[in-house]
């Protein structure tokens, strides 16, 4: 279970939005020396491209940003993405 989610009791819904949880699972960033590594995880397709794009854009906005996109954790990468 993600650290951000808590078990729901009967009739209770999660306090986090689905899109926020999906983004956290799909895009993971960390620093490696002078580079920012962006790992894309899970299934990347037309339905998730907005979330992935927002995560990648947040890292690449800075002029001169050195970014590595790691696709190894992705289980599926659709050509539309």
C-alpha atoms as a PDB file:
ATOM      1  CA  UNK A   1       0.000   0.000   0.000  1.00  0.00           C
ATOM      2  CA  UNK A   2       1.318   3.498  -0.798  1.00  0.00           C
ATOM      3  CA  UNK A   3       2.391   5.571   2.147  1.00  0.00           C
ATOM      4  CA  UNK A   4      -0.075   8.265   1.020  1.00  0.00           C
ATOM      5  CA  UNK A   5      -3.099   5.998   1.090  1.00  0.00           C
ATOM      6  CA  UNK A   6      -4.944   4.716   4.095  1.00  0.00           C
ATOM      7  CA  UNK A   7      -7.300   1.767   4.148  1.00  0.00           C
ATOM      8  CA  UNK A   8     -10.902   2.782   3.547  1.00  0.00           C
ATOM      9  CA  UNK A   9     -13.584   1.463   5.826  1.00  0.00           C
ATOM     10  CA  UNK A  10     -16.962   0.354   4.531  1.00  0.00           C
ATOM     11  CA  UNK A  11     -18.736   3.255   2.849  1.00  0.00           C
ATOM     12  CA  UNK A  12     -15.724   5.557   3.125  1.00  0.00           C
ATOM     13  CA  UNK A  13     -13.698   6.825   0.174  1.00  0.00           C
ATOM     14  CA  UNK A  14     -10.051   7.824   0.010  1.00  0.00           C
ATOM     15  CA  UNK A  15      -9.243  11.458   0.760  1.00  0.00           C
ATOM     16  CA  UNK A  16      -6.706  11.627  -2.091  1.00  0.00           C
ATOM     17  CA  UNK A  17      -7.804  12.180  -5.671  1.00  0.00           C
ATOM     18  CA  UNK A  18      -7.223   9.405  -8.186  1.00  0.00           C
ATOM     19  CA  UNK A  19      -5.175  11.684 -10.435  1.00  0.00           C
ATOM     20  CA  UNK A  20      -2.777  12.619  -7.627  1.00  0.00           C
ATOM     21  CA  UNK A  21      -2.209   8.974  -6.759  1.00  0.00           C
ATOM     22  CA  UNK A  22      -1.745   8.034 -10.404  1.00  0.00           C
ATOM     23  CA  UNK A  23       0.796  10.794 -10.955  1.00  0.00           C
ATOM     24  CA  UNK A  24       2.775   9.697  -7.916  1.00  0.00           C
ATOM     25  CA  UNK A  25       2.922   6.161  -9.254  1.00  0.00           C
ATOM     26  CA  UNK A  26       3.685   7.138 -12.852  1.00  0.00           C
ATOM     27  CA  UNK A  27       6.389   9.772 -12.385  1.00  0.00           C
ATOM     28  CA  UNK A  28       9.219   9.465  -9.871  1.00  0.00           C
ATOM     29  CA  UNK A  29      12.063  11.995  -9.803  1.00  0.00           C
ATOM     30  CA  UNK A  30      15.348  12.073  -7.944  1.00  0.00           C
ATOM     31  CA  UNK A  31      18.754  13.728  -8.195  1.00  0.00           C
ATOM     32  CA  UNK A  32      21.790  11.798  -9.399  1.00  0.00           C
ATOM     33  CA  UNK A  33      24.823  14.058  -9.366  1.00  0.00           C
ATOM     34  CA  UNK A  34      24.097  17.045 -11.604  1.00  0.00           C
ATOM     35  CA  UNK A  35      21.196  15.278 -13.327  1.00  0.00           C
ATOM     36  CA  UNK A  36      17.548  14.993 -12.423  1.00  0.00           C
ATOM     37  CA  UNK A  37      16.314  11.506 -13.227  1.00  0.00           C
ATOM     38  CA  UNK A  38      12.656  11.115 -14.166  1.00  0.00           C
ATOM     39  CA  UNK A  39      11.465   7.519 -13.951  1.00  0.00           C
ATOM     40  CA  UNK A  40       8.258   6.722 -15.765  1.00  0.00           C
ATOM     41  CA  UNK A  41       6.500   3.766 -14.177  1.00  0.00           C
ATOM     42  CA  UNK A  42       3.495   1.666 -15.021  1.00  0.00           C
ATOM     43  CA  UNK A  43       1.471   2.107 -18.191  1.00  0.00           C
ATOM     44  CA  UNK A  44       2.111   5.257 -20.213  1.00  0.00           C
ATOM     45  CA  UNK A  45      -0.571   5.808 -22.831  1.00  0.00           C
ATOM     46  CA  UNK A  46      -3.032   8.360 -24.113  1.00  0.00           C
ATOM     47  CA  UNK A  47      -5.039   8.265 -20.871  1.00  0.00           C
ATOM     48  CA  UNK A  48      -2.005   9.092 -18.689  1.00  0.00           C
ATOM     49  CA  UNK A  49      -0.018  11.425 -20.945  1.00  0.00           C
ATOM     50  CA  UNK A  50      -1.296  14.635 -19.304  1.00  0.00           C
ATOM     51  CA  UNK A  51      -0.112  13.463 -15.885  1.00  0.00           C
ATOM     52  CA  UNK A  52       3.227  12.280 -17.238  1.00  0.00           C
ATOM     53  CA  UNK A  53       3.671  15.474 -19.244  1.00  0.00           C
ATOM     54  CA  UNK A  54       3.042  17.619 -16.178  1.00  0.00           C
ATOM     55  CA  UNK A  55       5.602  15.658 -14.170  1.00  0.00           C
ATOM     56  CA  UNK A  56       8.265  15.872 -16.872  1.00  0.00           C
ATOM     57  CA  UNK A  57       7.538  19.558 -17.563  1.00  0.00           C
ATOM     58  CA  UNK A  58       7.986  20.437 -13.903  1.00  0.00           C
ATOM     59  CA  UNK A  59      11.554  19.140 -14.094  1.00  0.00           C
ATOM     60  CA  UNK A  60      12.472  20.541 -17.509  1.00  0.00           C
ATOM     61  CA  UNK A  61      11.153  24.101 -16.989  1.00  0.00           C
ATOM     62  CA  UNK A  62      14.450  25.435 -15.659  1.00  0.00           C
ATOM     63  CA  UNK A  63      16.857  26.732 -18.303  1.00  0.00           C
ATOM     64  CA  UNK A  64      19.850  24.450 -18.578  1.00  0.00           C
ATOM     65  CA  UNK A  65      18.205  21.594 -16.668  1.00  0.00           C
ATOM     66  CA  UNK A  66      20.031  18.310 -17.116  1.00  0.00           C
ATOM     67  CA  UNK A  67      17.381  15.604 -17.223  1.00  0.00           C
ATOM     68  CA  UNK A  68      17.516  11.869 -17.854  1.00  0.00           C
ATOM     69  CA  UNK A  69      14.234  10.080 -18.558  1.00  0.00           C
ATOM     70  CA  UNK A  70      14.405   6.454 -17.427  1.00  0.00           C
ATOM     71  CA  UNK A  71      11.840   4.256 -19.164  1.00  0.00           C
ATOM     72  CA  UNK A  72      13.071   0.967 -17.699  1.00  0.00           C
ATOM     73  CA  UNK A  73      10.388   0.886 -14.961  1.00  0.00           C
ATOM     74  CA  UNK A  74       7.594   1.482 -17.512  1.00  0.00           C
ATOM     75  CA  UNK A  75       5.549  -1.642 -18.121  1.00  0.00           C
ATOM     76  CA  UNK A  76       3.940  -0.306 -21.272  1.00  0.00           C
ATOM     77  CA  UNK A  77       4.643   2.757 -23.416  1.00  0.00           C
ATOM     78  CA  UNK A  78       2.057   3.454 -26.121  1.00  0.00           C
ATOM     79  CA  UNK A  79       3.179   5.256 -29.285  1.00  0.00           C
ATOM     80  CA  UNK A  80       0.461   7.892 -28.720  1.00  0.00           C
ATOM     81  CA  UNK A  81       2.221   8.914 -25.516  1.00  0.00           C
END
